[in-house]
Amino acid sequence: MASNVSYPNTGSPVVTSIKSEAAKTSEELQELKNARITPSTTTTNGQPLTHYHSLLYSLLSWEQPRATAVSYASVITFIFAARYLPLLRWAFKFLYVSLGLTASVEIVGQVLFKQGITSSFRPRRYYTIPKETHEAILEDVSQLVDFFLIEFQRILFAENVVHTVAAFTAAFLGYLLIRFVPLWGLSVIAVTTVYIGPLVYISNREIIDEQIVQLQELVGAQANQLKDLAGERTSAATGLVKQYVDDYSHKAQEYIGRRSASPEMTKAPSAVQTPAQTIAKPVDSVPEPVIKTEDFPEAPKVEPIVQSVEEPTPVSHETEREPLLAA
C-alpha cells in the first residue's frame, strides 16, 4: 500500500520573495555601475562631460528604482547615524581594543613561550595599494571634481534657465532654514529633495512641462513688452535731445552772424596786423614818436628878477594903547 506522505515546503513565500528582491537589487546595482560611461552629449560650448553625469542621471532618474532606493536609504541612514551614534568614539574604541589585545598576546607569548604569538602571524610582505588602483582612484576623484565644477558653471551661466531658477530657490530656502534647522536636518531635507524631486517630475512630466511652457511664454511676453516700452522711451528721449541740440545750434549760428555784422568786428581786422606784415618790417626801423620836441615851449633865456616884499613895521605898545577917538 502506497503511503501518501507530505513533506513540508522548505521554501516559504516570504523567503522566496526576499531572495527574488535581493537578486533584482543586485542586478540593478550592477547595471548602475555599468552606467558609468562618458556621455556623447556635450555642454553648450562643446566641452565633453564626465562619466558621473551619466551615472547620476541614471541614479536620480529612477531608471533602476531598487538601486536608487538603496542609495537613498544608505545616505539617510548615514546622516542619522552620524547624528545619534558616537561613530568617532567607536572607531577609537576599536583601535585601542585591537592594539591592546595584540600587544597583550605578544607579551604573554614572549613571557610564557619565549616566542611572540602576534609576530608569528606577521606577513612576509606588508600590504600596499597597487599603482593601478592609485591611478584609478585619482582618476575617479578628478572626474568627480570636474563634474561638480562643470555643473556649477552650467547653472551659474544659465545654460538651462529652469535649472538656474531651481538652484536659486534651493539656495534661498537654505539661507532661510539654516537659522532654524540644524545641519543634519538641512542635510536630510537636501538629500530628500534631490532624490524625490526627479521622481515627482517623472510622475507628472506632462503637467509640469505644460506649466513650464506657459511660464516661459508669460516671461517672454513681459520681456517683449518691456523691450518695446524701453524702445519707445529711448526714441522719445532721442527726439527731445535732438530738438534741443537743433535749437541751441540755430541760436549759436544767429549769435555768430550778429557778431560778424557789427562795425567793431568789421574794423577790427584792419587794426590787427597779420604775422606776415609784422615779419615784413625791418628790424632796425624805429617807430616815429607821437609827441615831438617842437610841441613844448622854449625855455626863457633871461633869468627873471624877484622883487623884495617890504616887511610890515612893528606897532609899539604905546600906539596900541592910544585911543582911536578923542575924548
Protein backbone atom coordinates (compact mmCIF):
# COMPACT_ATOMS: atom_id res chain seq x y z
CA MET A 1 0.00 0.00 0.00
CA ALA A 2 1.39 3.30 -1.05
CA SER A 3 1.52 5.81 1.73
CA ASN A 4 0.81 9.42 0.95
CA VAL A 5 3.48 11.33 2.85
CA SER A 6 3.50 15.15 2.55
CA TYR A 7 6.84 16.80 3.02
CA PRO A 8 6.97 20.31 4.45
CA ASN A 9 7.58 23.09 1.98
CA THR A 10 11.06 24.35 2.73
CA GLY A 11 10.71 27.49 0.58
CA SER A 12 8.20 29.86 2.17
CA PRO A 13 6.73 32.70 0.09
CA VAL A 14 8.40 35.31 2.29
CA VAL A 15 11.88 33.82 1.87
CA THR A 16 11.32 33.39 -1.86
CA SER A 17 10.22 37.00 -2.22
CA ILE A 18 13.21 38.24 -0.26
CA LYS A 19 15.63 36.22 -2.39
CA SER A 20 13.95 37.45 -5.57
CA GLU A 21 14.12 41.09 -4.49
CA ALA A 22 17.73 40.68 -3.42
CA ALA A 23 18.65 39.22 -6.80
CA LYS A 24 16.86 42.03 -8.67
CA THR A 25 18.52 44.66 -6.48
CA SER A 26 21.93 43.15 -7.14
CA GLU A 27 21.26 43.19 -10.88
CA GLU A 28 20.16 46.84 -10.80
CA LEU A 29 23.22 47.82 -8.77
CA GLN A 30 25.40 46.15 -11.38
CA GLU A 31 23.54 48.00 -14.16
CA LEU A 32 24.00 51.25 -12.29
CA LYS A 33 27.72 50.55 -12.02
CA ASN A 34 27.89 49.82 -15.73
CA ALA A 35 26.22 53.19 -16.43
CA ARG A 36 29.50 54.97 -15.64
CA ILE A 37 30.33 55.86 -19.22
CA THR A 38 31.22 59.21 -20.72
CA PRO A 39 28.06 60.54 -22.44
CA SER A 40 28.11 61.56 -26.09
CA THR A 41 26.37 64.86 -25.35
CA THR A 42 28.40 67.95 -24.55
CA THR A 43 27.84 71.33 -22.98
CA THR A 44 26.68 74.36 -24.95
CA ASN A 45 30.27 75.43 -25.63
CA GLY A 46 31.20 71.92 -26.80
CA GLN A 47 33.03 70.76 -23.66
CA PRO A 48 32.76 66.98 -23.00
CA LEU A 49 31.06 65.73 -19.85
CA THR A 50 32.29 63.20 -17.26
CA HIS A 51 31.06 59.67 -16.59
CA TYR A 52 29.49 60.95 -13.36
CA HIS A 53 26.92 62.80 -15.48
CA SER A 54 25.58 59.54 -16.88
CA LEU A 55 25.88 57.78 -13.50
CA LEU A 56 23.97 60.40 -11.51
CA TYR A 57 21.42 60.82 -14.30
CA SER A 58 20.72 57.09 -14.20
CA LEU A 59 20.64 57.17 -10.39
CA LEU A 60 18.36 60.19 -9.92
CA SER A 61 16.06 59.43 -12.85
CA TRP A 62 15.00 56.19 -11.09
CA GLU A 63 15.85 54.03 -14.11
CA GLN A 64 16.83 51.33 -11.59
CA PRO A 65 14.35 52.05 -8.78
CA ARG A 66 15.71 49.45 -6.35
CA ALA A 67 19.28 50.69 -6.69
CA THR A 68 18.17 54.32 -6.27
CA ALA A 69 16.08 53.43 -3.22
CA VAL A 70 19.00 51.57 -1.67
CA SER A 71 21.35 54.52 -2.22
CA TYR A 72 18.82 56.95 -0.76
CA ALA A 73 18.27 54.78 2.30
CA SER A 74 22.02 54.41 2.74
CA VAL A 75 22.63 58.17 2.68
CA ILE A 76 19.78 58.90 5.11
CA THR A 77 20.96 56.14 7.45
CA PHE A 78 24.49 57.54 7.45
CA ILE A 79 23.18 61.05 8.30
CA PHE A 80 21.11 59.79 11.24
CA ALA A 81 23.96 57.54 12.40
CA ALA A 82 26.37 60.47 12.36
CA ARG A 83 23.83 62.48 14.34
CA TYR A 84 22.77 59.99 17.01
CA LEU A 85 25.57 57.40 17.16
CA PRO A 86 29.08 58.09 18.56
CA LEU A 87 30.83 56.74 15.46
CA LEU A 88 34.11 58.52 16.11
CA ARG A 89 34.21 57.24 19.67
CA TRP A 90 33.53 53.72 18.48
CA ALA A 91 36.37 54.00 15.99
CA PHE A 92 38.82 54.98 18.72
CA LYS A 93 37.48 52.22 20.94
CA PHE A 94 38.02 49.63 18.21
CA LEU A 95 41.57 50.88 17.72
CA TYR A 96 42.63 50.76 21.37
CA VAL A 97 40.95 47.39 21.96
CA SER A 98 42.57 45.74 18.94
CA LEU A 99 46.00 47.25 19.62
CA GLY A 100 45.82 46.39 23.31
CA LEU A 101 44.80 42.80 22.51
CA THR A 102 47.64 42.26 20.04
CA ALA A 103 50.17 43.82 22.45
CA SER A 104 48.95 41.64 25.34
CA VAL A 105 49.07 38.45 23.27
CA GLU A 106 52.57 39.30 22.08
CA ILE A 107 53.83 39.97 25.64
CA VAL A 108 52.24 36.78 27.02
CA GLY A 109 53.79 34.75 24.23
CA GLN A 110 57.23 36.25 24.89
CA VAL A 111 56.96 35.51 28.64
CA LEU A 112 55.45 32.01 28.53
CA PHE A 113 56.64 30.55 25.27
CA LYS A 114 59.71 32.66 24.61
CA GLN A 115 58.16 33.40 21.22
CA GLY A 116 55.80 36.10 20.11
CA ILE A 117 52.34 34.94 19.08
CA THR A 118 51.29 38.06 17.20
CA SER A 119 54.61 38.36 15.41
CA SER A 120 54.27 34.80 14.19
CA PHE A 121 51.29 35.89 12.05
CA ARG A 122 53.27 38.73 10.52
CA PRO A 123 53.16 38.53 6.71
CA ARG A 124 56.34 38.30 4.72
CA ARG A 125 55.37 41.45 2.80
CA TYR A 126 53.09 44.18 4.07
CA TYR A 127 50.06 45.00 2.02
CA THR A 128 50.25 48.02 -0.29
CA ILE A 129 47.86 49.53 -2.77
CA PRO A 130 48.85 48.76 -6.36
CA LYS A 131 49.80 51.62 -8.65
CA GLU A 132 46.90 50.84 -10.99
CA THR A 133 44.47 51.23 -8.09
CA HIS A 134 46.07 54.57 -7.16
CA GLU A 135 45.69 55.84 -10.70
CA ALA A 136 42.10 54.61 -10.92
CA ILE A 137 41.17 56.29 -7.62
CA LEU A 138 42.84 59.57 -8.58
CA GLU A 139 41.16 59.49 -11.99
CA ASP A 140 37.80 58.86 -10.34
CA VAL A 141 38.31 61.70 -7.87
CA SER A 142 39.34 64.02 -10.71
CA GLN A 143 36.20 63.10 -12.66
CA LEU A 144 34.05 63.77 -9.59
CA VAL A 145 35.62 67.22 -9.01
CA ASP A 146 35.20 68.08 -12.70
CA PHE A 147 31.55 67.03 -12.51
CA PHE A 148 30.80 69.48 -9.71
CA LEU A 149 32.76 72.28 -11.37
CA ILE A 150 31.07 71.83 -14.75
CA GLU A 151 27.58 71.63 -13.26
CA PHE A 152 28.14 74.70 -11.10
CA GLN A 153 29.27 76.73 -14.11
CA ARG A 154 26.40 75.48 -16.26
CA ILE A 155 23.98 76.60 -13.56
CA LEU A 156 25.81 79.89 -12.93
CA PHE A 157 25.87 80.92 -16.61
CA ALA A 158 22.24 79.86 -17.18
CA GLU A 159 22.78 77.11 -19.72
CA ASN A 160 19.34 75.94 -18.63
CA VAL A 161 17.22 78.68 -17.08
CA VAL A 162 14.98 76.19 -15.29
CA HIS A 163 17.96 74.63 -13.52
CA THR A 164 19.30 78.05 -12.58
CA VAL A 165 15.96 79.10 -11.10
CA ALA A 166 15.71 75.81 -9.21
CA ALA A 167 19.22 76.26 -7.80
CA PHE A 168 18.40 79.84 -6.79
CA THR A 169 15.26 78.66 -4.99
CA ALA A 170 17.17 75.93 -3.17
CA ALA A 171 19.95 78.32 -2.12
CA PHE A 172 17.46 80.92 -0.89
CA LEU A 173 15.48 78.34 1.11
CA GLY A 174 18.72 77.02 2.58
CA TYR A 175 19.68 80.55 3.59
CA LEU A 176 16.36 80.93 5.41
CA LEU A 177 16.29 77.46 7.01
CA ILE A 178 19.87 77.44 8.27
CA ARG A 179 18.81 79.86 11.02
CA PHE A 180 16.31 77.41 12.50
CA VAL A 181 17.22 73.92 11.21
CA PRO A 182 20.42 72.15 12.33
CA LEU A 183 22.96 70.97 9.82
CA TRP A 184 21.92 67.32 9.91
CA GLY A 185 18.26 68.29 9.38
CA LEU A 186 19.19 70.51 6.47
CA SER A 187 21.21 67.62 5.01
CA VAL A 188 18.17 65.30 5.25
CA ILE A 189 15.98 67.89 3.51
CA ALA A 190 18.55 68.42 0.74
CA VAL A 191 19.06 64.69 0.08
CA THR A 192 15.31 64.05 0.09
CA THR A 193 14.74 66.90 -2.36
CA VAL A 194 17.49 65.66 -4.68
CA TYR A 195 16.10 62.11 -4.76
CA ILE A 196 12.36 62.75 -4.60
CA GLY A 197 12.27 65.83 -6.86
CA PRO A 198 13.12 63.96 -10.09
CA LEU A 199 10.64 61.21 -9.15
CA VAL A 200 7.85 63.76 -8.78
CA TYR A 201 8.80 65.31 -12.11
CA ILE A 202 8.85 61.94 -13.88
CA SER A 203 5.44 61.03 -12.45
CA ASN A 204 3.87 64.35 -13.52
CA ARG A 205 6.01 65.25 -16.51
CA GLU A 206 3.20 66.38 -18.84
CA ILE A 207 1.58 68.72 -16.32
CA ILE A 208 4.91 70.20 -15.18
CA ASP A 209 6.13 70.69 -18.77
CA GLU A 210 2.89 72.44 -19.69
CA GLN A 211 3.21 74.79 -16.72
CA ILE A 212 6.85 75.49 -17.58
CA VAL A 213 5.91 76.32 -21.19
CA GLN A 214 3.17 78.70 -20.03
CA LEU A 215 5.56 80.35 -17.59
CA GLN A 216 8.17 80.78 -20.33
CA GLU A 217 5.58 82.31 -22.66
CA LEU A 218 4.46 84.70 -19.92
CA VAL A 219 8.03 85.73 -19.16
CA GLY A 220 8.75 86.16 -22.88
CA ALA A 221 5.65 88.34 -23.34
CA GLN A 222 6.61 90.52 -20.38
CA ALA A 223 10.15 90.80 -21.68
CA ASN A 224 8.94 91.86 -25.14
CA GLN A 225 6.58 94.39 -23.60
CA LEU A 226 9.38 95.87 -21.52
CA LYS A 227 11.62 95.90 -24.60
CA ASP A 228 9.00 97.78 -26.65
CA LEU A 229 8.40 100.24 -23.82
CA ALA A 230 12.13 100.83 -23.45
CA GLY A 231 12.41 101.38 -27.22
CA GLU A 232 9.60 103.96 -27.15
CA ARG A 233 11.16 105.78 -24.21
CA THR A 234 14.55 105.75 -25.88
CA SER A 235 13.19 107.11 -29.19
CA ALA A 236 11.25 109.86 -27.38
CA ALA A 237 14.32 110.85 -25.37
CA THR A 238 16.45 110.81 -28.52
CA GLY A 239 13.98 113.08 -30.36
CA LEU A 240 13.83 115.51 -27.43
CA VAL A 241 17.61 115.71 -27.20
CA LYS A 242 17.87 116.22 -30.96
CA GLN A 243 15.32 119.04 -30.80
CA TYR A 244 17.27 120.78 -28.01
CA VAL A 245 20.51 120.39 -29.95
CA ASP A 246 18.96 121.88 -33.11
CA ASP A 247 17.56 124.84 -31.15
CA TYR A 248 20.87 125.62 -29.48
CA SER A 249 22.73 125.21 -32.78
CA HIS A 250 20.37 127.66 -34.51
CA LYS A 251 20.75 130.20 -31.69
CA ALA A 252 24.54 129.87 -31.82
CA GLN A 253 24.56 130.49 -35.59
CA GLU A 254 22.38 133.62 -35.18
CA TYR A 255 24.68 134.93 -32.44
CA ILE A 256 27.76 134.37 -34.58
CA GLY A 257 26.07 136.14 -37.55
CA ARG A 258 25.24 139.22 -35.45
CA ARG A 259 28.76 139.42 -34.10
CA SER A 260 30.29 139.28 -37.57
CA ALA A 261 27.92 142.04 -38.88
CA SER A 262 28.74 144.61 -36.10
CA PRO A 263 31.07 147.63 -37.06
CA GLU A 264 33.57 146.83 -34.30
CA MET A 265 34.07 143.36 -35.74
CA THR A 266 34.27 144.91 -39.25
CA LYS A 267 37.03 147.41 -38.30
CA ALA A 268 38.89 145.03 -36.14
CA PRO A 269 40.65 143.17 -38.91
CA SER A 270 42.18 146.45 -40.35
CA ALA A 271 43.69 147.33 -37.00
CA VAL A 272 45.16 143.96 -36.47
CA GLN A 273 48.40 143.22 -38.25
CA THR A 274 48.93 139.85 -39.72
CA PRO A 275 52.04 137.90 -38.86
CA ALA A 276 53.29 138.42 -42.41
CA GLN A 277 53.14 142.20 -42.03
CA THR A 278 54.93 142.03 -38.71
CA ILE A 279 57.69 139.95 -40.19
CA ALA A 280 57.97 142.24 -43.27
CA LYS A 281 59.02 145.27 -41.15
CA PRO A 282 62.78 145.83 -40.89
CA VAL A 283 64.30 145.16 -37.54
CA ASP A 284 66.40 148.38 -37.47
CA SER A 285 63.50 150.81 -38.13
CA VAL A 286 62.47 152.84 -35.07
CA PRO A 287 58.85 153.96 -34.87
CA GLU A 288 58.29 157.76 -35.13
CA PRO A 289 57.35 159.28 -31.73
CA VAL A 290 53.87 160.65 -31.41
CA ILE A 291 54.98 163.65 -29.18
CA LYS A 292 57.69 165.82 -30.78
CA THR A 293 60.14 168.33 -29.31
CA GLU A 294 58.52 171.28 -31.17
CA ASP A 295 55.33 170.73 -29.17
CA PHE A 296 56.97 172.04 -25.98
CA PRO A 297 57.53 175.92 -25.44
CA GLU A 298 61.05 177.34 -25.42
CA ALA A 299 62.68 177.97 -22.07
CA PRO A 300 63.34 181.74 -21.18
CA LYS A 301 66.92 182.85 -21.77
CA VAL A 302 66.90 185.80 -19.22
CA GLU A 303 66.56 184.87 -15.56
CA PRO A 304 63.52 186.63 -14.04
CA ILE A 305 64.04 189.38 -11.30
CA VAL A 306 62.50 188.60 -7.98
CA GLN A 307 61.10 191.79 -6.25
CA SER A 308 61.55 192.06 -2.45
CA VAL A 309 58.45 192.38 -0.36
CA GLU A 310 58.52 195.09 2.39
CA GLU A 311 58.04 193.77 5.83
CA PRO A 312 55.31 195.47 7.91
CA THR A 313 56.54 197.97 10.59
CA PRO A 314 56.02 196.76 14.09
CA VAL A 315 53.46 198.58 16.21
CA SER A 316 54.55 199.78 19.64
CA HIS A 317 52.65 199.18 22.84
CA GLU A 318 52.01 202.90 23.31
CA THR A 319 50.45 203.30 19.96
CA GLU A 320 48.31 200.27 20.69
CA ARG A 321 47.07 201.80 23.92
CA GLU A 322 46.32 205.20 22.35
CA PRO A 323 42.59 205.60 21.90
CA LEU A 324 41.32 205.99 18.43
CA LEU A 325 38.78 208.75 19.27
CA ALA A 326 39.44 211.96 21.31
CA ALA A 327 37.65 212.24 24.49
